[in-house]
Amino acid sequence: MPKLYYASPRDLPTLRPAPGITQRILQADHATIAVTDLAPRTVVETHKHEVEQSGVVTRGSLVMVIAGDQRILGPGDTYRVPAGASHGARVFEEPTQVVDVWAPPRTDLRPSAASVEPGPGGTA
């Protein structure tokens, strides 16, 4: 993996894992970071993964459920999802952005050529 010290959003691979969800992914040696934009009324279905996740809401608001505990989150609010815990979310009426960090890295979020949106000039 090349050393990436700084990146603008346009420099990061973009994934669209489900309707209403756009992620810009930064893979590091010991963590994965995603800047995730969520369209109004998007539902992130309940799921789980085997790595710890933490994050912060940077814009908008959503209701999140982690291991059965529900909370409404807005800008500046943080959350932590233990490895293996079920979690999901529902976005309210405005575009919402969260920054997620997974450690150790999420290998399933490494973009493949088919899932990466082309960058400027038509290259991924």
N, C-alpha and C. Protein backbone atom coordinates (compact mmCIF):
# COMPACT_ATOMS: atom_id res chain seq x y z
N MET A 1 0.85 -1.17 0.00
CA MET A 1 0.00 0.00 0.00
C MET A 1 0.90 1.24 0.00
N PRO A 2 0.66 2.18 -0.93
CA PRO A 2 1.49 3.38 -0.96
C PRO A 2 1.23 4.24 0.27
N LYS A 3 2.23 5.02 0.66
CA LYS A 3 2.06 5.92 1.80
C LYS A 3 1.16 7.07 1.38
N LEU A 4 0.09 7.25 2.13
CA LEU A 4 -0.85 8.32 1.86
C LEU A 4 -0.93 9.16 3.14
N TYR A 5 -0.32 10.31 3.11
CA TYR A 5 -0.30 11.16 4.30
C TYR A 5 -1.46 12.14 4.31
N TYR A 6 -1.88 12.60 3.15
CA TYR A 6 -2.97 13.57 3.05
C TYR A 6 -3.85 13.17 1.88
N ALA A 7 -5.13 13.42 2.00
CA ALA A 7 -6.03 13.13 0.88
C ALA A 7 -7.22 14.06 0.92
N SER A 8 -7.59 14.57 -0.23
CA SER A 8 -8.84 15.30 -0.38
C SER A 8 -9.93 14.28 -0.67
N PRO A 9 -11.19 14.62 -0.43
CA PRO A 9 -12.25 13.64 -0.71
C PRO A 9 -12.17 13.07 -2.13
N ARG A 10 -11.81 13.88 -3.09
CA ARG A 10 -11.74 13.39 -4.48
C ARG A 10 -10.64 12.34 -4.67
N ASP A 11 -9.67 12.28 -3.74
CA ASP A 11 -8.56 11.33 -3.85
C ASP A 11 -8.91 9.94 -3.31
N LEU A 12 -9.98 9.83 -2.54
CA LEU A 12 -10.30 8.57 -1.87
C LEU A 12 -11.26 7.73 -2.70
N PRO A 13 -11.10 6.40 -2.67
CA PRO A 13 -12.06 5.53 -3.36
C PRO A 13 -13.45 5.75 -2.79
N THR A 14 -14.45 5.74 -3.66
CA THR A 14 -15.84 5.94 -3.25
C THR A 14 -16.61 4.65 -3.44
N LEU A 15 -17.29 4.22 -2.39
CA LEU A 15 -18.14 3.03 -2.45
C LEU A 15 -19.60 3.46 -2.26
N ARG A 16 -20.50 2.72 -2.88
CA ARG A 16 -21.94 2.91 -2.68
C ARG A 16 -22.51 1.54 -2.31
N PRO A 17 -22.41 1.17 -1.02
CA PRO A 17 -22.80 -0.18 -0.61
C PRO A 17 -24.30 -0.44 -0.66
N ALA A 18 -25.12 0.60 -0.63
CA ALA A 18 -26.58 0.45 -0.66
C ALA A 18 -27.18 1.79 -1.08
N PRO A 19 -28.41 1.79 -1.56
CA PRO A 19 -29.04 3.06 -1.94
C PRO A 19 -29.02 4.06 -0.78
N GLY A 20 -28.64 5.30 -1.09
CA GLY A 20 -28.62 6.36 -0.08
C GLY A 20 -27.35 6.43 0.74
N ILE A 21 -26.39 5.55 0.47
CA ILE A 21 -25.15 5.51 1.25
C ILE A 21 -23.95 5.66 0.32
N THR A 22 -23.11 6.67 0.59
CA THR A 22 -21.87 6.87 -0.15
C THR A 22 -20.73 6.96 0.84
N GLN A 23 -19.70 6.15 0.65
CA GLN A 23 -18.56 6.12 1.56
C GLN A 23 -17.28 6.45 0.82
N ARG A 24 -16.47 7.31 1.43
CA ARG A 24 -15.11 7.56 0.96
C ARG A 24 -14.18 6.86 1.96
N ILE A 25 -13.38 5.94 1.45
CA ILE A 25 -12.64 5.00 2.29
C ILE A 25 -11.16 5.34 2.33
N LEU A 26 -10.61 5.35 3.55
CA LEU A 26 -9.18 5.48 3.75
C LEU A 26 -8.73 4.23 4.51
N GLN A 27 -7.88 3.43 3.86
CA GLN A 27 -7.34 2.24 4.50
C GLN A 27 -5.97 2.58 5.08
N ALA A 28 -5.79 2.30 6.36
CA ALA A 28 -4.50 2.48 7.02
C ALA A 28 -3.99 1.11 7.46
N ASP A 29 -2.80 1.07 7.99
CA ASP A 29 -2.22 -0.21 8.41
C ASP A 29 -3.02 -0.87 9.53
N HIS A 30 -3.58 -0.07 10.45
CA HIS A 30 -4.22 -0.65 11.63
C HIS A 30 -5.67 -0.23 11.81
N ALA A 31 -6.27 0.46 10.83
CA ALA A 31 -7.67 0.88 10.93
C ALA A 31 -8.20 1.22 9.54
N THR A 32 -9.51 1.22 9.42
CA THR A 32 -10.20 1.69 8.23
C THR A 32 -11.05 2.88 8.66
N ILE A 33 -11.01 3.95 7.86
CA ILE A 33 -11.80 5.15 8.14
C ILE A 33 -12.73 5.35 6.95
N ALA A 34 -14.00 5.68 7.23
CA ALA A 34 -14.95 5.98 6.16
C ALA A 34 -15.68 7.28 6.50
N VAL A 35 -15.68 8.20 5.55
CA VAL A 35 -16.54 9.38 5.63
C VAL A 35 -17.79 8.96 4.86
N THR A 36 -18.90 8.84 5.59
CA THR A 36 -20.12 8.27 5.02
C THR A 36 -21.21 9.32 4.94
N ASP A 37 -21.72 9.53 3.72
CA ASP A 37 -22.85 10.44 3.50
C ASP A 37 -24.10 9.59 3.36
N LEU A 38 -25.13 9.98 4.12
CA LEU A 38 -26.39 9.26 4.16
C LEU A 38 -27.52 10.17 3.69
N ALA A 39 -28.28 9.73 2.72
CA ALA A 39 -29.40 10.52 2.21
C ALA A 39 -30.54 10.52 3.24
N PRO A 40 -31.41 11.53 3.19
CA PRO A 40 -32.57 11.56 4.10
C PRO A 40 -33.37 10.25 4.03
N ARG A 41 -33.82 9.81 5.18
CA ARG A 41 -34.67 8.62 5.34
C ARG A 41 -33.99 7.31 4.95
N THR A 42 -32.67 7.31 4.86
CA THR A 42 -31.94 6.06 4.58
C THR A 42 -31.99 5.16 5.80
N VAL A 43 -32.18 3.88 5.57
CA VAL A 43 -32.15 2.88 6.63
C VAL A 43 -30.90 2.02 6.44
N VAL A 44 -30.08 1.96 7.47
CA VAL A 44 -28.92 1.04 7.48
C VAL A 44 -29.41 -0.20 8.23
N GLU A 45 -29.62 -1.25 7.49
CA GLU A 45 -30.18 -2.47 8.08
C GLU A 45 -29.28 -3.01 9.19
N THR A 46 -29.89 -3.66 10.16
CA THR A 46 -29.15 -4.25 11.27
C THR A 46 -28.14 -5.27 10.73
N HIS A 47 -26.91 -5.15 11.22
CA HIS A 47 -25.83 -6.03 10.79
C HIS A 47 -24.79 -6.10 11.89
N LYS A 48 -23.77 -6.90 11.70
CA LYS A 48 -22.64 -6.94 12.64
C LYS A 48 -21.40 -7.37 11.88
N HIS A 49 -20.26 -7.04 12.46
CA HIS A 49 -18.98 -7.44 11.91
C HIS A 49 -18.03 -7.72 13.07
N GLU A 50 -16.95 -8.36 12.76
CA GLU A 50 -16.05 -8.85 13.81
C GLU A 50 -14.93 -7.88 14.19
N VAL A 51 -15.10 -6.60 13.87
CA VAL A 51 -14.14 -5.59 14.29
C VAL A 51 -14.89 -4.48 15.02
N GLU A 52 -14.21 -3.82 15.94
CA GLU A 52 -14.81 -2.72 16.68
C GLU A 52 -15.00 -1.52 15.76
N GLN A 53 -16.10 -0.81 15.96
CA GLN A 53 -16.40 0.39 15.18
C GLN A 53 -16.68 1.54 16.13
N SER A 54 -16.14 2.69 15.82
CA SER A 54 -16.50 3.90 16.56
C SER A 54 -16.71 5.00 15.54
N GLY A 55 -17.44 6.03 15.93
CA GLY A 55 -17.70 7.08 14.97
C GLY A 55 -18.23 8.34 15.60
N VAL A 56 -18.39 9.36 14.75
CA VAL A 56 -18.92 10.65 15.17
C VAL A 56 -19.85 11.16 14.07
N VAL A 57 -20.96 11.75 14.48
CA VAL A 57 -21.87 12.39 13.53
C VAL A 57 -21.32 13.79 13.27
N THR A 58 -21.13 14.13 12.00
CA THR A 58 -20.58 15.44 11.66
C THR A 58 -21.65 16.39 11.11
N ARG A 59 -22.76 15.83 10.62
CA ARG A 59 -23.83 16.66 10.07
C ARG A 59 -25.12 15.86 10.08
N GLY A 60 -26.25 16.52 10.35
CA GLY A 60 -27.54 15.85 10.32
C GLY A 60 -27.84 15.10 11.60
N SER A 61 -28.78 14.16 11.51
CA SER A 61 -29.16 13.38 12.69
C SER A 61 -29.74 12.03 12.26
N LEU A 62 -29.64 11.08 13.17
CA LEU A 62 -30.12 9.73 12.92
C LEU A 62 -30.42 9.05 14.24
N VAL A 63 -31.19 7.99 14.17
CA VAL A 63 -31.39 7.14 15.34
C VAL A 63 -30.56 5.89 15.10
N MET A 64 -29.79 5.51 16.10
CA MET A 64 -28.92 4.34 15.99
C MET A 64 -29.30 3.35 17.08
N VAL A 65 -29.26 2.08 16.73
CA VAL A 65 -29.50 1.01 17.69
C VAL A 65 -28.25 0.15 17.73
N ILE A 66 -27.68 0.00 18.92
CA ILE A 66 -26.49 -0.83 19.13
C ILE A 66 -26.82 -1.83 20.22
N ALA A 67 -26.78 -3.11 19.88
CA ALA A 67 -27.05 -4.18 20.84
C ALA A 67 -28.35 -3.93 21.59
N GLY A 68 -29.38 -3.46 20.87
CA GLY A 68 -30.69 -3.23 21.46
C GLY A 68 -30.87 -1.89 22.14
N ASP A 69 -29.81 -1.10 22.27
CA ASP A 69 -29.88 0.22 22.92
C ASP A 69 -30.04 1.29 21.84
N GLN A 70 -31.15 2.04 21.88
CA GLN A 70 -31.46 3.04 20.86
C GLN A 70 -31.16 4.44 21.36
N ARG A 71 -30.60 5.28 20.46
CA ARG A 71 -30.26 6.65 20.82
C ARG A 71 -30.39 7.53 19.59
N ILE A 72 -30.88 8.76 19.77
CA ILE A 72 -30.89 9.76 18.71
C ILE A 72 -29.57 10.52 18.79
N LEU A 73 -28.86 10.62 17.65
CA LEU A 73 -27.55 11.26 17.60
C LEU A 73 -27.57 12.43 16.63
N GLY A 74 -26.87 13.50 16.99
CA GLY A 74 -26.71 14.67 16.14
C GLY A 74 -25.26 15.08 16.07
N PRO A 75 -24.97 16.20 15.41
CA PRO A 75 -23.59 16.63 15.22
C PRO A 75 -22.78 16.66 16.52
N GLY A 76 -21.62 16.04 16.48
CA GLY A 76 -20.73 15.98 17.63
C GLY A 76 -20.93 14.75 18.50
N ASP A 77 -22.07 14.06 18.35
CA ASP A 77 -22.30 12.85 19.14
C ASP A 77 -21.45 11.71 18.60
N THR A 78 -20.98 10.87 19.51
CA THR A 78 -20.13 9.75 19.14
C THR A 78 -20.81 8.44 19.50
N TYR A 79 -20.30 7.35 18.96
CA TYR A 79 -20.82 6.02 19.27
C TYR A 79 -19.69 5.01 19.17
N ARG A 80 -19.90 3.87 19.85
CA ARG A 80 -18.94 2.76 19.82
C ARG A 80 -19.73 1.47 19.68
N VAL A 81 -19.34 0.66 18.72
CA VAL A 81 -19.98 -0.63 18.48
C VAL A 81 -18.94 -1.72 18.75
N PRO A 82 -19.13 -2.50 19.82
CA PRO A 82 -18.17 -3.58 20.09
C PRO A 82 -18.16 -4.59 18.95
N ALA A 83 -17.05 -5.26 18.75
CA ALA A 83 -16.95 -6.31 17.75
C ALA A 83 -18.06 -7.33 17.98
N GLY A 84 -18.76 -7.71 16.92
CA GLY A 84 -19.80 -8.73 17.01
C GLY A 84 -21.16 -8.23 17.46
N ALA A 85 -21.30 -6.95 17.81
CA ALA A 85 -22.59 -6.42 18.28
C ALA A 85 -23.48 -6.05 17.09
N SER A 86 -24.76 -6.40 17.17
CA SER A 86 -25.72 -6.01 16.14
C SER A 86 -25.97 -4.52 16.23
N HIS A 87 -26.07 -3.87 15.06
CA HIS A 87 -26.33 -2.43 15.04
C HIS A 87 -26.92 -2.02 13.70
N GLY A 88 -27.64 -0.90 13.72
CA GLY A 88 -28.24 -0.35 12.51
C GLY A 88 -28.63 1.09 12.79
N ALA A 89 -29.17 1.77 11.77
CA ALA A 89 -29.51 3.18 11.93
C ALA A 89 -30.62 3.58 10.97
N ARG A 90 -31.27 4.69 11.29
CA ARG A 90 -32.27 5.29 10.41
C ARG A 90 -32.03 6.79 10.41
N VAL A 91 -31.85 7.36 9.22
CA VAL A 91 -31.60 8.79 9.07
C VAL A 91 -32.93 9.53 9.09
N PHE A 92 -32.92 10.71 9.69
CA PHE A 92 -34.14 11.53 9.72
C PHE A 92 -34.30 12.26 8.39
N GLU A 93 -34.83 13.46 8.40
CA GLU A 93 -35.26 14.17 7.20
C GLU A 93 -34.18 14.99 6.49
N GLU A 94 -32.96 14.98 6.98
CA GLU A 94 -31.92 15.80 6.35
C GLU A 94 -30.69 14.96 6.02
N PRO A 95 -29.94 15.37 5.00
CA PRO A 95 -28.70 14.64 4.70
C PRO A 95 -27.82 14.57 5.96
N THR A 96 -27.21 13.42 6.16
CA THR A 96 -26.42 13.18 7.36
C THR A 96 -25.05 12.64 6.97
N GLN A 97 -24.04 13.00 7.76
CA GLN A 97 -22.69 12.50 7.52
C GLN A 97 -22.13 11.98 8.83
N VAL A 98 -21.48 10.83 8.76
CA VAL A 98 -20.77 10.27 9.91
C VAL A 98 -19.36 9.91 9.47
N VAL A 99 -18.45 9.90 10.42
CA VAL A 99 -17.10 9.41 10.17
C VAL A 99 -16.94 8.16 11.04
N ASP A 100 -16.72 7.02 10.39
CA ASP A 100 -16.56 5.75 11.10
C ASP A 100 -15.10 5.32 11.07
N VAL A 101 -14.69 4.67 12.16
CA VAL A 101 -13.36 4.08 12.25
C VAL A 101 -13.53 2.64 12.71
N TRP A 102 -12.92 1.72 11.98
CA TRP A 102 -12.93 0.31 12.37
C TRP A 102 -11.50 -0.13 12.65
N ALA A 103 -11.34 -0.85 13.75
CA ALA A 103 -10.02 -1.39 14.08
C ALA A 103 -10.22 -2.79 14.66
N PRO A 104 -9.45 -3.74 14.18
CA PRO A 104 -8.49 -3.66 13.07
C PRO A 104 -9.21 -3.32 11.76
N PRO A 105 -8.46 -3.12 10.68
CA PRO A 105 -9.06 -2.69 9.41
C PRO A 105 -10.13 -3.66 8.90
N ARG A 106 -11.10 -3.11 8.19
CA ARG A 106 -12.14 -3.90 7.51
C ARG A 106 -11.61 -4.29 6.14
N THR A 107 -11.22 -5.53 5.98
CA THR A 107 -10.72 -5.99 4.69
C THR A 107 -11.84 -6.08 3.66
N ASP A 108 -13.10 -6.21 4.11
CA ASP A 108 -14.21 -6.29 3.16
C ASP A 108 -14.56 -4.92 2.56
N LEU A 109 -13.99 -3.84 3.07
CA LEU A 109 -14.23 -2.52 2.52
C LEU A 109 -13.12 -2.07 1.58
N ARG A 110 -12.22 -2.96 1.26
CA ARG A 110 -11.18 -2.61 0.29
C ARG A 110 -11.85 -2.60 -1.08
N PRO A 111 -11.87 -1.45 -1.72
CA PRO A 111 -12.60 -1.33 -2.99
C PRO A 111 -12.01 -2.22 -4.08
N SER A 112 -12.90 -2.90 -4.79
CA SER A 112 -12.48 -3.63 -5.98
C SER A 112 -12.68 -2.70 -7.17
N ALA A 113 -12.07 -3.01 -8.27
CA ALA A 113 -12.18 -2.14 -9.45
C ALA A 113 -13.63 -1.96 -9.88
N ALA A 114 -14.47 -2.97 -9.67
CA ALA A 114 -15.86 -2.88 -10.11
C ALA A 114 -16.70 -1.99 -9.20
N SER A 115 -16.29 -1.80 -7.95
CA SER A 115 -17.12 -1.05 -7.01
C SER A 115 -16.64 0.36 -6.77
N VAL A 116 -15.52 0.74 -7.38
CA VAL A 116 -14.96 2.07 -7.17
C VAL A 116 -15.49 3.03 -8.23
N GLU A 117 -15.95 4.17 -7.78
CA GLU A 117 -16.42 5.20 -8.70
C GLU A 117 -15.21 5.84 -9.37
N PRO A 118 -15.25 6.06 -10.68
CA PRO A 118 -14.10 6.68 -11.34
C PRO A 118 -13.82 8.06 -10.80
N GLY A 119 -12.55 8.40 -10.73
CA GLY A 119 -12.13 9.74 -10.31
C GLY A 119 -12.05 10.67 -11.49
N PRO A 120 -11.53 11.87 -11.28
CA PRO A 120 -11.39 12.83 -12.38
C PRO A 120 -10.55 12.22 -13.50
N GLY A 121 -10.94 12.46 -14.72
CA GLY A 121 -10.21 11.92 -15.85
C GLY A 121 -10.59 10.49 -16.19
N GLY A 122 -11.61 9.93 -15.50
CA GLY A 122 -12.11 8.61 -15.82
C GLY A 122 -11.33 7.46 -15.23
N THR A 123 -10.43 7.72 -14.27
CA THR A 123 -9.66 6.64 -13.67
C THR A 123 -10.12 6.43 -12.24
N ALA A 124 -9.97 5.23 -11.77
CA ALA A 124 -10.37 4.91 -10.40
C ALA A 124 -9.23 5.17 -9.45
